[in-house]
Amino acid sequence: MVELNCERLELVDHFKCTMLAAQDVKQCYMVTGEVDFVLIVTVEDVDAFYVFVKENLYSNPNVRKFRSMVNLDLLKSEPNTTV
């Protein structure tokens, strides 16, 4: 979950472009509420996650803060079948 410092259009667009270009980002949602974006990131290990964080979050001066959750076990995953 990522919270931005400033929600000026050009800064939000820059963040979106950065996430679109990041190969480790598998899903990116712009959301309402306490955070601005929710990212689904897939990496090989914790070291690779730290590299992702340094290159894509710490390096962006518009990222105010972020919180992460690490998946321990996949219990159920169903595709969306709504038409």
C-alpha atoms as a PDB file:
ATOM      1  CA  MET A   1       0.000   0.000   0.000  1.00  0.00           C
ATOM      2  CA  VAL A   2       1.485   3.307  -1.101  1.00  0.00           C
ATOM      3  CA  GLU A   3       0.634   6.801   0.087  1.00  0.00           C
ATOM      4  CA  LEU A   4       1.788   9.765  -1.989  1.00  0.00           C
ATOM      5  CA  ASN A   5       2.876  13.166  -0.658  1.00  0.00           C
ATOM      6  CA  CYS A   6       1.116  15.131  -3.367  1.00  0.00           C
ATOM      7  CA  GLU A   7      -1.715  14.159  -5.661  1.00  0.00           C
ATOM      8  CA  ARG A   8      -0.969  16.647  -8.449  1.00  0.00           C
ATOM      9  CA  LEU A   9      -1.871  15.064 -11.764  1.00  0.00           C
ATOM     10  CA  GLU A  10       1.667  15.027 -13.194  1.00  0.00           C
ATOM     11  CA  LEU A  11       3.068  13.400 -10.033  1.00  0.00           C
ATOM     12  CA  VAL A  12       0.341  10.763  -9.949  1.00  0.00           C
ATOM     13  CA  ASP A  13       0.891  10.062 -13.651  1.00  0.00           C
ATOM     14  CA  HIS A  14       4.630   9.711 -13.030  1.00  0.00           C
ATOM     15  CA  PHE A  15       3.977   7.144 -10.297  1.00  0.00           C
ATOM     16  CA  LYS A  16       1.582   5.242 -12.572  1.00  0.00           C
ATOM     17  CA  CYS A  17       4.170   5.150 -15.365  1.00  0.00           C
ATOM     18  CA  THR A  18       6.818   3.930 -12.948  1.00  0.00           C
ATOM     19  CA  MET A  19       4.588   1.087 -11.773  1.00  0.00           C
ATOM     20  CA  LEU A  20       3.619   0.152 -15.340  1.00  0.00           C
ATOM     21  CA  ALA A  21       7.316  -0.126 -16.219  1.00  0.00           C
ATOM     22  CA  ALA A  22       8.269  -2.130 -13.118  1.00  0.00           C
ATOM     23  CA  GLN A  23       8.413  -5.798 -14.087  1.00  0.00           C
ATOM     24  CA  ASP A  24       7.876  -7.000 -10.518  1.00  0.00           C
ATOM     25  CA  VAL A  25       4.536  -5.162 -10.253  1.00  0.00           C
ATOM     26  CA  LYS A  26       1.902  -7.651 -11.389  1.00  0.00           C
ATOM     27  CA  GLN A  27      -1.130  -5.560 -10.407  1.00  0.00           C
ATOM     28  CA  CYS A  28      -1.516  -1.884  -9.514  1.00  0.00           C
ATOM     29  CA  TYR A  29      -4.721  -0.331  -8.227  1.00  0.00           C
ATOM     30  CA  MET A  30      -5.379   3.369  -7.653  1.00  0.00           C
ATOM     31  CA  VAL A  31      -7.768   3.360  -4.695  1.00  0.00           C
ATOM     32  CA  THR A  32      -9.700   5.635  -2.374  1.00  0.00           C
ATOM     33  CA  GLY A  33      -9.261   5.714   1.375  1.00  0.00           C
ATOM     34  CA  GLU A  34      -6.170   5.829   3.563  1.00  0.00           C
ATOM     35  CA  VAL A  35      -3.710   4.962   0.776  1.00  0.00           C
ATOM     36  CA  ASP A  36      -3.445   5.989  -2.864  1.00  0.00           C
ATOM     37  CA  PHE A  37      -2.247   2.773  -4.510  1.00  0.00           C
ATOM     38  CA  VAL A  38      -2.270  -0.949  -3.796  1.00  0.00           C
ATOM     39  CA  LEU A  39       0.452  -2.936  -5.526  1.00  0.00           C
ATOM     40  CA  ILE A  40       0.720  -6.672  -6.034  1.00  0.00           C
ATOM     41  CA  VAL A  41       4.440  -7.365  -6.377  1.00  0.00           C
ATOM     42  CA  THR A  42       5.978 -10.748  -7.155  1.00  0.00           C
ATOM     43  CA  VAL A  43       9.655 -11.237  -6.377  1.00  0.00           C
ATOM     44  CA  GLU A  44      11.897 -14.213  -5.749  1.00  0.00           C
ATOM     45  CA  ASP A  45      12.845 -13.437  -2.160  1.00  0.00           C
ATOM     46  CA  VAL A  46      13.166 -10.742   0.505  1.00  0.00           C
ATOM     47  CA  ASP A  47      16.410  -9.445  -0.985  1.00  0.00           C
ATOM     48  CA  ALA A  48      14.696  -8.943  -4.345  1.00  0.00           C
ATOM     49  CA  PHE A  49      11.834  -7.168  -2.594  1.00  0.00           C
ATOM     50  CA  TYR A  50      14.303  -4.797  -0.955  1.00  0.00           C
ATOM     51  CA  VAL A  51      15.791  -4.024  -4.384  1.00  0.00           C
ATOM     52  CA  PHE A  52      12.280  -3.308  -5.694  1.00  0.00           C
ATOM     53  CA  VAL A  53      11.564  -1.011  -2.740  1.00  0.00           C
ATOM     54  CA  LYS A  54      14.832   0.910  -3.153  1.00  0.00           C
ATOM     55  CA  GLU A  55      14.446   1.333  -6.910  1.00  0.00           C
ATOM     56  CA  ASN A  56      10.730   2.131  -7.042  1.00  0.00           C
ATOM     57  CA  LEU A  57       9.583   3.519  -3.699  1.00  0.00           C
ATOM     58  CA  TYR A  58      12.492   4.983  -1.709  1.00  0.00           C
ATOM     59  CA  SER A  59      13.826   6.655  -4.845  1.00  0.00           C
ATOM     60  CA  ASN A  60      10.514   8.419  -5.576  1.00  0.00           C
ATOM     61  CA  PRO A  61      10.349  11.714  -3.644  1.00  0.00           C
ATOM     62  CA  ASN A  62       6.548  11.730  -3.956  1.00  0.00           C
ATOM     63  CA  VAL A  63       6.127   8.475  -2.009  1.00  0.00           C
ATOM     64  CA  ARG A  64       5.204   9.546   1.501  1.00  0.00           C
ATOM     65  CA  LYS A  65       5.111   6.070   3.001  1.00  0.00           C
ATOM     66  CA  PHE A  66       4.319   2.494   2.155  1.00  0.00           C
ATOM     67  CA  ARG A  67       3.264  -0.613   4.006  1.00  0.00           C
ATOM     68  CA  SER A  68       3.830  -4.151   2.873  1.00  0.00           C
ATOM     69  CA  MET A  69       2.351  -7.544   3.618  1.00  0.00           C
ATOM     70  CA  VAL A  70       4.123 -10.774   2.758  1.00  0.00           C
ATOM     71  CA  ASN A  71       2.055 -13.708   1.572  1.00  0.00           C
ATOM     72  CA  LEU A  72       2.799 -16.796   3.642  1.00  0.00           C
ATOM     73  CA  ASP A  73       0.372 -19.238   2.041  1.00  0.00           C
ATOM     74  CA  LEU A  74      -2.224 -19.155  -0.750  1.00  0.00           C
ATOM     75  CA  LEU A  75      -5.393 -20.769   0.551  1.00  0.00           C
ATOM     76  CA  LYS A  76      -7.779 -19.975  -2.261  1.00  0.00           C
ATOM     77  CA  SER A  77      -7.650 -18.108  -5.544  1.00  0.00           C
ATOM     78  CA  GLU A  78     -10.577 -18.085  -7.904  1.00  0.00           C
ATOM     79  CA  PRO A  79     -10.748 -16.199 -11.185  1.00  0.00           C
ATOM     80  CA  ASN A  80     -13.376 -13.510 -11.524  1.00  0.00           C
ATOM     81  CA  THR A  81     -16.219 -15.056 -13.525  1.00  0.00           C
ATOM     82  CA  THR A  82     -18.580 -12.086 -13.422  1.00  0.00           C
ATOM     83  CA  VAL A  83     -19.683 -11.011 -16.889  1.00  0.00           C
END
